[in-house]
PDB file of all heavy atoms in Angstrom:
ATOM      1  N   PHE A   1    -104.712-129.018 -34.530  1.00  0.00           N
ATOM      2  CA  PHE A   1    -103.640-129.133 -33.548  1.00  0.00           C
ATOM      3  C   PHE A   1    -103.134-127.737 -33.198  1.00  0.00           C
ATOM      4  O   PHE A   1    -102.826-126.939 -34.083  1.00  0.00           O
ATOM      5  CB  PHE A   1    -102.485-129.972 -34.107  1.00  0.00           C
ATOM      6  CG  PHE A   1    -101.309-130.076 -33.183  1.00  0.00           C
ATOM      7  CD1 PHE A   1    -101.341-130.935 -32.098  1.00  0.00           C
ATOM      8  CD2 PHE A   1    -100.187-129.306 -33.400  1.00  0.00           C
ATOM      9  CE1 PHE A   1    -100.254-131.029 -31.246  1.00  0.00           C
ATOM     10  CE2 PHE A   1     -99.091-129.393 -32.550  1.00  0.00           C
ATOM     11  CZ  PHE A   1     -99.136-130.255 -31.473  1.00  0.00           C
ATOM     12  N   VAL A   2    -103.058-127.447 -31.896  1.00  0.00           N
ATOM     13  CA  VAL A   2    -102.519-126.171 -31.417  1.00  0.00           C
ATOM     14  C   VAL A   2    -101.274-126.503 -30.591  1.00  0.00           C
ATOM     15  O   VAL A   2    -101.368-127.198 -29.577  1.00  0.00           O
ATOM     16  CB  VAL A   2    -103.555-125.405 -30.568  1.00  0.00           C
ATOM     17  CG1 VAL A   2    -102.960-124.114 -30.024  1.00  0.00           C
ATOM     18  CG2 VAL A   2    -104.795-125.122 -31.397  1.00  0.00           C
ATOM     19  N   PRO A   3    -100.104-126.043 -31.021  1.00  0.00           N
ATOM     20  CA  PRO A   3     -98.861-126.380 -30.307  1.00  0.00           C
ATOM     21  C   PRO A   3     -98.873-125.895 -28.862  1.00  0.00           C
ATOM     22  O   PRO A   3     -99.441-124.849 -28.548  1.00  0.00           O
ATOM     23  CB  PRO A   3     -97.780-125.644 -31.105  1.00  0.00           C
ATOM     24  CG  PRO A   3     -98.379-125.377 -32.437  1.00  0.00           C
ATOM     25  CD  PRO A   3     -99.847-125.216 -32.201  1.00  0.00           C
ATOM     26  N   GLY A   4     -98.221-126.687 -27.994  1.00  0.00           N
ATOM     27  CA  GLY A   4     -98.056-126.333 -26.593  1.00  0.00           C
ATOM     28  C   GLY A   4     -96.583-126.115 -26.278  1.00  0.00           C
ATOM     29  O   GLY A   4     -95.739-126.028 -27.179  1.00  0.00           O
ATOM     30  N   ALA A   5     -96.259-126.063 -25.003  1.00  0.00           N
ATOM     31  CA  ALA A   5     -94.888-125.772 -24.564  1.00  0.00           C
ATOM     32  C   ALA A   5     -93.884-126.808 -25.064  1.00  0.00           C
ATOM     33  O   ALA A   5     -92.739-126.468 -25.353  1.00  0.00           O
ATOM     34  CB  ALA A   5     -94.838-125.690 -23.045  1.00  0.00           C
ATOM     35  N   GLY A   6     -94.263-128.060 -25.171  1.00  0.00           N
ATOM     36  CA  GLY A   6     -93.349-129.109 -25.605  1.00  0.00           C
ATOM     37  C   GLY A   6     -93.113-129.169 -27.105  1.00  0.00           C
ATOM     38  O   GLY A   6     -92.288-129.948 -27.579  1.00  0.00           O
ATOM     39  N   TRP A   7     -93.839-128.348 -27.874  1.00  0.00           N
ATOM     40  CA  TRP A   7     -93.707-128.396 -29.329  1.00  0.00           C
ATOM     41  C   TRP A   7     -92.328-127.948 -29.796  1.00  0.00           C
ATOM     42  O   TRP A   7     -91.796-128.459 -30.777  1.00  0.00           O
ATOM     43  CB  TRP A   7     -94.781-127.554 -30.001  1.00  0.00           C
ATOM     44  CG  TRP A   7     -94.692-127.608 -31.489  1.00  0.00           C
ATOM     45  CD1 TRP A   7     -94.308-126.614 -32.325  1.00  0.00           C
ATOM     46  CD2 TRP A   7     -94.953-128.742 -32.325  1.00  0.00           C
ATOM     47  NE1 TRP A   7     -94.334-127.046 -33.635  1.00  0.00           N
ATOM     48  CE2 TRP A   7     -94.719-128.357 -33.655  1.00  0.00           C
ATOM     49  CE3 TRP A   7     -95.369-130.049 -32.078  1.00  0.00           C
ATOM     50  CZ2 TRP A   7     -94.888-129.226 -34.720  1.00  0.00           C
ATOM     51  CZ3 TRP A   7     -95.528-130.911 -33.147  1.00  0.00           C
ATOM     52  CH2 TRP A   7     -95.293-130.497 -34.452  1.00  0.00           C
ATOM     53  N   ASP A   8     -91.731-126.983 -29.090  1.00  0.00           N
ATOM     54  CA  ASP A   8     -90.403-126.496 -29.501  1.00  0.00           C
ATOM     55  C   ASP A   8     -89.373-127.617 -29.551  1.00  0.00           C
ATOM     56  O   ASP A   8     -88.495-127.631 -30.405  1.00  0.00           O
ATOM     57  CB  ASP A   8     -89.919-125.399 -28.553  1.00  0.00           C
ATOM     58  CG  ASP A   8     -90.712-124.111 -28.704  1.00  0.00           C
ATOM     59  OD1 ASP A   8     -91.384-123.939 -29.745  1.00  0.00           O
ATOM     60  OD2 ASP A   8     -90.664-123.284 -27.779  1.00  0.00           O
ATOM     61  N   GLU A   9     -89.510-128.583 -28.645  1.00  0.00           N
ATOM     62  CA  GLU A   9     -88.569-129.709 -28.592  1.00  0.00           C
ATOM     63  C   GLU A   9     -88.849-130.740 -29.679  1.00  0.00           C
ATOM     64  O   GLU A   9     -87.927-131.273 -30.283  1.00  0.00           O
ATOM     65  CB  GLU A   9     -88.644-130.377 -27.218  1.00  0.00           C
ATOM     66  CG  GLU A   9     -87.721-131.555 -27.047  1.00  0.00           C
ATOM     67  CD  GLU A   9     -87.848-132.206 -25.675  1.00  0.00           C
ATOM     68  OE1 GLU A   9     -88.290-131.551 -24.733  1.00  0.00           O
ATOM     69  OE2 GLU A   9     -87.508-133.401 -25.583  1.00  0.00           O
ATOM     70  N   LEU A  10     -90.134-131.027 -29.953  1.00  0.00           N
ATOM     71  CA  LEU A  10     -90.487-132.106 -30.880  1.00  0.00           C
ATOM     72  C   LEU A  10     -90.826-131.636 -32.289  1.00  0.00           C
ATOM     73  O   LEU A  10     -90.761-132.421 -33.233  1.00  0.00           O
ATOM     74  CB  LEU A  10     -91.666-132.906 -30.322  1.00  0.00           C
ATOM     75  CG  LEU A  10     -91.388-133.673 -29.046  1.00  0.00           C
ATOM     76  CD1 LEU A  10     -92.652-134.393 -28.590  1.00  0.00           C
ATOM     77  CD2 LEU A  10     -90.258-134.656 -29.233  1.00  0.00           C
ATOM     78  N   GLY A  11     -91.177-130.383 -32.470  1.00  0.00           N
ATOM     79  CA  GLY A  11     -91.568-129.876 -33.780  1.00  0.00           C
ATOM     80  C   GLY A  11     -90.560-130.150 -34.882  1.00  0.00           C
ATOM     81  O   GLY A  11     -90.937-130.574 -35.979  1.00  0.00           O
ATOM     82  N   PRO A  12     -89.247-129.916 -34.627  1.00  0.00           N
ATOM     83  CA  PRO A  12     -88.259-130.194 -35.684  1.00  0.00           C
ATOM     84  C   PRO A  12     -88.226-131.669 -36.109  1.00  0.00           C
ATOM     85  O   PRO A  12     -87.930-131.973 -37.267  1.00  0.00           O
ATOM     86  CB  PRO A  12     -86.934-129.779 -35.044  1.00  0.00           C
ATOM     87  CG  PRO A  12     -87.311-128.763 -34.018  1.00  0.00           C
ATOM     88  CD  PRO A  12     -88.643-129.231 -33.488  1.00  0.00           C
ATOM     89  N   LEU A  13     -88.550-132.582 -35.208  1.00  0.00           N
ATOM     90  CA  LEU A  13     -88.587-134.003 -35.573  1.00  0.00           C
ATOM     91  C   LEU A  13     -89.725-134.284 -36.547  1.00  0.00           C
ATOM     92  O   LEU A  13     -89.563-135.029 -37.515  1.00  0.00           O
ATOM     93  CB  LEU A  13     -88.729-134.871 -34.324  1.00  0.00           C
ATOM     94  CG  LEU A  13     -87.588-134.785 -33.320  1.00  0.00           C
ATOM     95  CD1 LEU A  13     -87.918-135.600 -32.075  1.00  0.00           C
ATOM     96  CD2 LEU A  13     -86.285-135.257 -33.935  1.00  0.00           C
ATOM     97  N   PHE A  14     -90.895-133.697 -36.293  1.00  0.00           N
ATOM     98  CA  PHE A  14     -92.019-133.856 -37.215  1.00  0.00           C
ATOM     99  C   PHE A  14     -91.689-133.243 -38.572  1.00  0.00           C
ATOM    100  O   PHE A  14     -92.008-133.811 -39.617  1.00  0.00           O
ATOM    101  CB  PHE A  14     -93.289-133.212 -36.638  1.00  0.00           C
ATOM    102  CG  PHE A  14     -93.949-134.031 -35.581  1.00  0.00           C
ATOM    103  CD1 PHE A  14     -93.635-133.854 -34.255  1.00  0.00           C
ATOM    104  CD2 PHE A  14     -94.904-134.979 -35.917  1.00  0.00           C
ATOM    105  CE1 PHE A  14     -94.251-134.598 -33.265  1.00  0.00           C
ATOM    106  CE2 PHE A  14     -95.527-135.740 -34.940  1.00  0.00           C
ATOM    107  CZ  PHE A  14     -95.201-135.546 -33.607  1.00  0.00           C
ATOM    108  N   ALA A  15     -91.049-132.070 -38.568  1.00  0.00           N
ATOM    109  CA  ALA A  15     -90.684-131.401 -39.820  1.00  0.00           C
ATOM    110  C   ALA A  15     -89.697-132.243 -40.622  1.00  0.00           C
ATOM    111  O   ALA A  15     -89.822-132.367 -41.844  1.00  0.00           O
ATOM    112  CB  ALA A  15     -90.104-130.022 -39.527  1.00  0.00           C
ATOM    113  N   ALA A  16     -88.710-132.828 -39.942  1.00  0.00           N
ATOM    114  CA  ALA A  16     -87.716-133.662 -40.633  1.00  0.00           C
ATOM    115  C   ALA A  16     -88.368-134.915 -41.208  1.00  0.00           C
ATOM    116  O   ALA A  16     -88.051-135.325 -42.333  1.00  0.00           O
ATOM    117  CB  ALA A  16     -86.587-134.045 -39.674  1.00  0.00           C
ATOM    118  N   GLN A  17     -89.286-135.506 -40.456  1.00  0.00           N
ATOM    119  CA  GLN A  17     -89.964-136.699 -40.959  1.00  0.00           C
ATOM    120  C   GLN A  17     -90.838-136.350 -42.165  1.00  0.00           C
ATOM    121  O   GLN A  17     -90.857-137.072 -43.159  1.00  0.00           O
ATOM    122  CB  GLN A  17     -90.811-137.343 -39.860  1.00  0.00           C
ATOM    123  CG  GLN A  17     -91.387-138.667 -40.302  1.00  0.00           C
ATOM    124  CD  GLN A  17     -92.162-139.341 -39.208  1.00  0.00           C
ATOM    125  OE1 GLN A  17     -93.090-138.750 -38.674  1.00  0.00           O
ATOM    126  NE2 GLN A  17     -91.792-140.549 -38.870  1.00  0.00           N
ATOM    127  N   GLU A  18     -91.533-135.231 -42.109  1.00  0.00           N
ATOM    128  CA  GLU A  18     -92.365-134.823 -43.236  1.00  0.00           C
ATOM    129  C   GLU A  18     -91.511-134.536 -44.471  1.00  0.00           C
ATOM    130  O   GLU A  18     -91.873-134.887 -45.589  1.00  0.00           O
ATOM    131  CB  GLU A  18     -93.201-133.601 -42.864  1.00  0.00           C
ATOM    132  CG  GLU A  18     -94.127-133.140 -43.964  1.00  0.00           C
ATOM    133  CD  GLU A  18     -95.068-134.223 -44.459  1.00  0.00           C
ATOM    134  OE1 GLU A  18     -95.479-135.105 -43.673  1.00  0.00           O
ATOM    135  OE2 GLU A  18     -95.389-134.208 -45.664  1.00  0.00           O
ATOM    136  N   GLU A  19     -90.354-133.924 -44.276  1.00  0.00           N
ATOM    137  CA  GLU A  19     -89.452-133.654 -45.408  1.00  0.00           C
ATOM    138  C   GLU A  19     -88.954-134.964 -46.031  1.00  0.00           C
ATOM    139  O   GLU A  19     -88.862-135.091 -47.259  1.00  0.00           O
ATOM    140  CB  GLU A  19     -88.272-132.788 -44.955  1.00  0.00           C
ATOM    141  CG  GLU A  19     -87.289-132.474 -46.054  1.00  0.00           C
ATOM    142  CD  GLU A  19     -87.855-131.682 -47.212  1.00  0.00           C
ATOM    143  OE1 GLU A  19     -88.942-131.073 -47.081  1.00  0.00           O
ATOM    144  OE2 GLU A  19     -87.214-131.669 -48.279  1.00  0.00           O
ATOM    145  N   ALA A  20     -88.631-135.943 -45.189  1.00  0.00           N
ATOM    146  CA  ALA A  20     -88.194-137.247 -45.699  1.00  0.00           C
ATOM    147  C   ALA A  20     -89.309-137.903 -46.513  1.00  0.00           C
ATOM    148  O   ALA A  20     -89.052-138.476 -47.586  1.00  0.00           O
ATOM    149  CB  ALA A  20     -87.763-138.145 -44.551  1.00  0.00           C
ATOM    150  N   ARG A  21     -90.545-137.817 -46.032  1.00  0.00           N
ATOM    151  CA  ARG A  21     -91.673-138.377 -46.793  1.00  0.00           C
ATOM    152  C   ARG A  21     -91.852-137.643 -48.118  1.00  0.00           C
ATOM    153  O   ARG A  21     -92.135-138.246 -49.145  1.00  0.00           O
ATOM    154  CB  ARG A  21     -92.961-138.298 -45.980  1.00  0.00           C
ATOM    155  CG  ARG A  21     -93.013-139.229 -44.830  1.00  0.00           C
ATOM    156  CD  ARG A  21     -94.387-139.159 -44.161  1.00  0.00           C
ATOM    157  NE  ARG A  21     -94.344-139.693 -42.833  1.00  0.00           N
ATOM    158  CZ  ARG A  21     -94.274-140.977 -42.513  1.00  0.00           C
ATOM    159  NH1 ARG A  21     -94.201-141.874 -43.468  1.00  0.00           N
ATOM    160  NH2 ARG A  21     -94.252-141.367 -41.272  1.00  0.00           N
ATOM    161  N   ARG A  22     -91.720-136.304 -48.070  1.00  0.00           N
ATOM    162  CA  ARG A  22     -91.874-135.502 -49.280  1.00  0.00           C
ATOM    163  C   ARG A  22     -90.848-135.896 -50.333  1.00  0.00           C
ATOM    164  O   ARG A  22     -91.126-135.888 -51.524  1.00  0.00           O
ATOM    165  CB  ARG A  22     -91.743-134.019 -48.928  1.00  0.00           C
ATOM    166  CG  ARG A  22     -92.157-133.084 -50.048  1.00  0.00           C
ATOM    167  CD  ARG A  22     -91.905-131.629 -49.709  1.00  0.00           C
ATOM    168  NE  ARG A  22     -90.488-131.299 -49.612  1.00  0.00           N
ATOM    169  CZ  ARG A  22     -89.642-131.205 -50.638  1.00  0.00           C
ATOM    170  NH1 ARG A  22     -90.066-131.456 -51.859  1.00  0.00           N
ATOM    171  NH2 ARG A  22     -88.378-130.890 -50.463  1.00  0.00           N
ATOM    172  N   GLN A  23     -89.654-136.270 -49.885  1.00  0.00           N
ATOM    173  CA  GLN A  23     -88.595-136.673 -50.809  1.00  0.00           C
ATOM    174  C   GLN A  23     -88.649-138.161 -51.140  1.00  0.00           C
ATOM    175  O   GLN A  23     -87.739-138.698 -51.751  1.00  0.00           O
ATOM    176  CB  GLN A  23     -87.229-136.309 -50.223  1.00  0.00           C
ATOM    177  CG  GLN A  23     -87.018-134.821 -50.109  1.00  0.00           C
ATOM    178  CD  GLN A  23     -85.623-134.487 -49.626  1.00  0.00           C
ATOM    179  OE1 GLN A  23     -84.692-135.280 -49.729  1.00  0.00           O
ATOM    180  NE2 GLN A  23     -85.469-133.288 -49.098  1.00  0.00           N
ATOM    181  N   HIS A  24     -89.719-138.834 -50.715  1.00  0.00           N
ATOM    182  CA  HIS A  24     -89.976-140.238 -51.026  1.00  0.00           C
ATOM    183  C   HIS A  24     -88.917-141.191 -50.455  1.00  0.00           C
ATOM    184  O   HIS A  24     -88.563-142.176 -51.097  1.00  0.00           O
ATOM    185  CB  HIS A  24     -90.133-140.445 -52.533  1.00  0.00           C
ATOM    186  CG  HIS A  24     -91.168-139.558 -53.140  1.00  0.00           C
ATOM    187  ND1 HIS A  24     -92.516-139.733 -52.909  1.00  0.00           N
ATOM    188  CD2 HIS A  24     -91.053-138.464 -53.935  1.00  0.00           C
ATOM    189  CE1 HIS A  24     -93.189-138.797 -53.550  1.00  0.00           C
ATOM    190  NE2 HIS A  24     -92.329-138.012 -54.175  1.00  0.00           N
ATOM    191  N   PHE A  25     -88.400-140.875 -49.247  1.00  0.00           N
ATOM    192  CA  PHE A  25     -87.508-141.826 -48.583  1.00  0.00           C
ATOM    193  C   PHE A  25     -88.289-143.100 -48.291  1.00  0.00           C
ATOM    194  O   PHE A  25     -89.481-143.041 -48.000  1.00  0.00           O
ATOM    195  CB  PHE A  25     -87.026-141.258 -47.242  1.00  0.00           C
ATOM    196  CG  PHE A  25     -85.853-140.324 -47.349  1.00  0.00           C
ATOM    197  CD1 PHE A  25     -85.875-139.228 -48.190  1.00  0.00           C
ATOM    198  CD2 PHE A  25     -84.726-140.538 -46.571  1.00  0.00           C
ATOM    199  CE1 PHE A  25     -84.814-138.362 -48.269  1.00  0.00           C
ATOM    200  CE2 PHE A  25     -83.652-139.673 -46.641  1.00  0.00           C
ATOM    201  CZ  PHE A  25     -83.691-138.581 -47.494  1.00  0.00           C
ATOM    202  N   PRO A  26     -87.646-144.260 -48.332  1.00  0.00           N
ATOM    203  CA  PRO A  26     -88.333-145.500 -47.943  1.00  0.00           C
ATOM    204  C   PRO A  26     -88.781-145.421 -46.477  1.00  0.00           C
ATOM    205  O   PRO A  26     -88.061-144.883 -45.638  1.00  0.00           O
ATOM    206  CB  PRO A  26     -87.266-146.581 -48.131  1.00  0.00           C
ATOM    207  CG  PRO A  26     -86.266-145.986 -49.071  1.00  0.00           C
ATOM    208  CD  PRO A  26     -86.286-144.509 -48.805  1.00  0.00           C
ATOM    209  N   GLU A  27     -89.965-145.927 -46.203  1.00  0.00           N
ATOM    210  CA  GLU A  27     -90.533-145.870 -44.848  1.00  0.00           C
ATOM    211  C   GLU A  27     -89.563-146.374 -43.786  1.00  0.00           C
ATOM    212  O   GLU A  27     -89.438-145.781 -42.728  1.00  0.00           O
ATOM    213  CB  GLU A  27     -91.824-146.694 -44.758  1.00  0.00           C
ATOM    214  CG  GLU A  27     -93.053-146.015 -45.274  1.00  0.00           C
ATOM    215  CD  GLU A  27     -93.502-144.832 -44.436  1.00  0.00           C
ATOM    216  OE1 GLU A  27     -93.528-144.916 -43.197  1.00  0.00           O
ATOM    217  OE2 GLU A  27     -93.831-143.804 -45.046  1.00  0.00           O
ATOM    218  N   HIS A  28     -88.874-147.477 -44.061  1.00  0.00           N
ATOM    219  CA  HIS A  28     -88.020-148.078 -43.037  1.00  0.00           C
ATOM    220  C   HIS A  28     -86.782-147.225 -42.745  1.00  0.00           C
ATOM    221  O   HIS A  28     -86.094-147.445 -41.760  1.00  0.00           O
ATOM    222  CB  HIS A  28     -87.626-149.506 -43.431  1.00  0.00           C
ATOM    223  CG  HIS A  28     -86.694-149.590 -44.597  1.00  0.00           C
ATOM    224  ND1 HIS A  28     -87.140-149.439 -45.901  1.00  0.00           N
ATOM    225  CD2 HIS A  28     -85.361-149.787 -44.661  1.00  0.00           C
ATOM    226  CE1 HIS A  28     -86.098-149.544 -46.714  1.00  0.00           C
ATOM    227  NE2 HIS A  28     -85.011-149.753 -45.987  1.00  0.00           N
ATOM    228  N   LEU A  29     -86.480-146.223 -43.576  1.00  0.00           N
ATOM    229  CA  LEU A  29     -85.332-145.344 -43.328  1.00  0.00           C
ATOM    230  C   LEU A  29     -85.723-144.019 -42.666  1.00  0.00           C
ATOM    231  O   LEU A  29     -84.860-143.264 -42.260  1.00  0.00           O
ATOM    232  CB  LEU A  29     -84.613-145.047 -44.644  1.00  0.00           C
ATOM    233  CG  LEU A  29     -83.969-146.231 -45.333  1.00  0.00           C
ATOM    234  CD1 LEU A  29     -83.332-145.803 -46.640  1.00  0.00           C
ATOM    235  CD2 LEU A  29     -82.924-146.872 -44.424  1.00  0.00           C
ATOM    236  N   ILE A  30     -87.001-143.752 -42.572  1.00  0.00           N
ATOM    237  CA  ILE A  30     -87.452-142.470 -42.022  1.00  0.00           C
ATOM    238  C   ILE A  30     -87.305-142.435 -40.506  1.00  0.00           C
ATOM    239  O   ILE A  30     -86.939-141.426 -39.933  1.00  0.00           O
ATOM    240  CB  ILE A  30     -88.893-142.168 -42.459  1.00  0.00           C
ATOM    241  CG1 ILE A  30     -88.907-141.915 -43.969  1.00  0.00           C
ATOM    242  CG2 ILE A  30     -89.448-140.968 -41.713  1.00  0.00           C
ATOM    243  CD1 ILE A  30     -90.286-141.715 -44.540  1.00  0.00           C
ATOM    244  N   GLY A  31     -87.567-143.513 -39.827  1.00  0.00           N
ATOM    245  CA  GLY A  31     -87.440-143.544 -38.371  1.00  0.00           C
ATOM    246  C   GLY A  31     -88.734-143.182 -37.674  1.00  0.00           C
ATOM    247  O   GLY A  31     -89.643-142.605 -38.257  1.00  0.00           O
ATOM    248  N   ARG A  32     -88.761-143.527 -36.411  1.00  0.00           N
ATOM    249  CA  ARG A  32     -89.950-143.287 -35.600  1.00  0.00           C
ATOM    250  C   ARG A  32     -89.805-142.000 -34.807  1.00  0.00           C
ATOM    251  O   ARG A  32     -88.733-141.648 -34.356  1.00  0.00           O
ATOM    252  CB  ARG A  32     -90.156-144.431 -34.612  1.00  0.00           C
ATOM    253  CG  ARG A  32     -90.595-145.708 -35.258  1.00  0.00           C
ATOM    254  CD  ARG A  32     -90.907-146.752 -34.226  1.00  0.00           C
ATOM    255  NE  ARG A  32     -91.675-146.177 -33.135  1.00  0.00           N
ATOM    256  CZ  ARG A  32     -91.744-146.698 -31.926  1.00  0.00           C
ATOM    257  NH1 ARG A  32     -91.077-147.784 -31.627  1.00  0.00           N
ATOM    258  NH2 ARG A  32     -92.459-146.138 -30.996  1.00  0.00           N
ATOM    259  N   LEU A  33     -90.923-141.347 -34.610  1.00  0.00           N
ATOM    260  CA  LEU A  33     -90.961-140.196 -33.717  1.00  0.00           C
ATOM    261  C   LEU A  33     -91.127-140.688 -32.285  1.00  0.00           C
ATOM    262  O   LEU A  33     -91.600-141.804 -32.059  1.00  0.00           O
ATOM    263  CB  LEU A  33     -92.133-139.292 -34.086  1.00  0.00           C
ATOM    264  CG  LEU A  33     -91.984-138.579 -35.427  1.00  0.00           C
ATOM    265  CD1 LEU A  33     -93.283-137.896 -35.791  1.00  0.00           C
ATOM    266  CD2 LEU A  33     -90.862-137.566 -35.365  1.00  0.00           C
ATOM    267  N   PRO A  34     -90.765-139.879 -31.290  1.00  0.00           N
ATOM    268  CA  PRO A  34     -90.946-140.299 -29.906  1.00  0.00           C
ATOM    269  C   PRO A  34     -92.425-140.556 -29.624  1.00  0.00           C
ATOM    270  O   PRO A  34     -93.286-139.865 -30.166  1.00  0.00           O
ATOM    271  CB  PRO A  34     -90.458-139.100 -29.091  1.00  0.00           C
ATOM    272  CG  PRO A  34     -89.715-138.246 -30.025  1.00  0.00           C
ATOM    273  CD  PRO A  34     -90.183-138.561 -31.413  1.00  0.00           C
ATOM    274  N   PRO A  35     -92.726-141.547 -28.799  1.00  0.00           N
ATOM    275  CA  PRO A  35     -94.130-141.818 -28.486  1.00  0.00           C
ATOM    276  C   PRO A  35     -94.741-140.655 -27.712  1.00  0.00           C
ATOM    277  O   PRO A  35     -94.092-140.025 -26.894  1.00  0.00           O
ATOM    278  CB  PRO A  35     -94.080-143.086 -27.646  1.00  0.00           C
ATOM    279  CG  PRO A  35     -92.683-143.180 -27.159  1.00  0.00           C
ATOM    280  CD  PRO A  35     -91.815-142.440 -28.109  1.00  0.00           C
ATOM    281  N   CYS A  36     -95.985-140.369 -28.024  1.00  0.00           N
ATOM    282  CA  CYS A  36     -96.742-139.340 -27.321  1.00  0.00           C
ATOM    283  C   CYS A  36     -98.027-139.970 -26.802  1.00  0.00           C
ATOM    284  O   CYS A  36     -98.580-140.856 -27.423  1.00  0.00           O
ATOM    285  CB  CYS A  36     -97.093-138.182 -28.250  1.00  0.00           C
ATOM    286  SG  CYS A  36     -95.680-137.227 -28.801  1.00  0.00           S
ATOM    287  N   ALA A  37     -98.470-139.509 -25.659  1.00  0.00           N
ATOM    288  CA  ALA A  37     -99.740-139.974 -25.093  1.00  0.00           C
ATOM    289  C   ALA A  37    -100.799-138.928 -25.366  1.00  0.00           C
ATOM    290  O   ALA A  37    -100.521-137.727 -25.349  1.00  0.00           O
ATOM    291  CB  ALA A  37     -99.598-140.204 -23.591  1.00  0.00           C
ATOM    292  N   ILE A  38    -102.013-139.371 -25.612  1.00  0.00           N
ATOM    293  CA  ILE A  38    -103.128-138.449 -25.812  1.00  0.00           C
ATOM    294  C   ILE A  38    -104.097-138.666 -24.658  1.00  0.00           C
ATOM    295  O   ILE A  38    -104.515-139.779 -24.392  1.00  0.00           O
ATOM    296  CB  ILE A  38    -103.826-138.693 -27.157  1.00  0.00           C
ATOM    297  CG1 ILE A  38    -102.855-138.405 -28.296  1.00  0.00           C
ATOM    298  CG2 ILE A  38    -105.066-137.825 -27.291  1.00  0.00           C
ATOM    299  CD1 ILE A  38    -103.391-138.685 -29.671  1.00  0.00           C
ATOM    300  N   SER A  39    -104.419-137.593 -23.957  1.00  0.00           N
ATOM    301  CA  SER A  39    -105.346-137.695 -22.836  1.00  0.00           C
ATOM    302  C   SER A  39    -106.578-136.840 -23.104  1.00  0.00           C
ATOM    303  O   SER A  39    -106.490-135.801 -23.742  1.00  0.00           O
ATOM    304  CB  SER A  39    -104.670-137.263 -21.520  1.00  0.00           C
ATOM    305  OG  SER A  39    -104.230-135.923 -21.626  1.00  0.00           O
ATOM    306  N   VAL A  40    -107.697-137.292 -22.586  1.00  0.00           N
ATOM    307  CA  VAL A  40    -108.975-136.581 -22.770  1.00  0.00           C
ATOM    308  C   VAL A  40    -109.109-135.522 -21.688  1.00  0.00           C
ATOM    309  O   VAL A  40    -108.852-135.785 -20.520  1.00  0.00           O
ATOM    310  CB  VAL A  40    -110.156-137.574 -22.703  1.00  0.00           C
ATOM    311  CG1 VAL A  40    -111.475-136.838 -22.839  1.00  0.00           C
ATOM    312  CG2 VAL A  40    -110.006-138.642 -23.777  1.00  0.00           C
TER     313      VAL A  40
END
């Protein structure tokens, strides 16, 4: 994965979710990240 212009806005959300997983938060309390589309 190579970050693009939109990473500055969403990167902290991924980091917070990863930290919650690292601390073994229950899945249902971690929350969802915003949906992203993948295009070819």
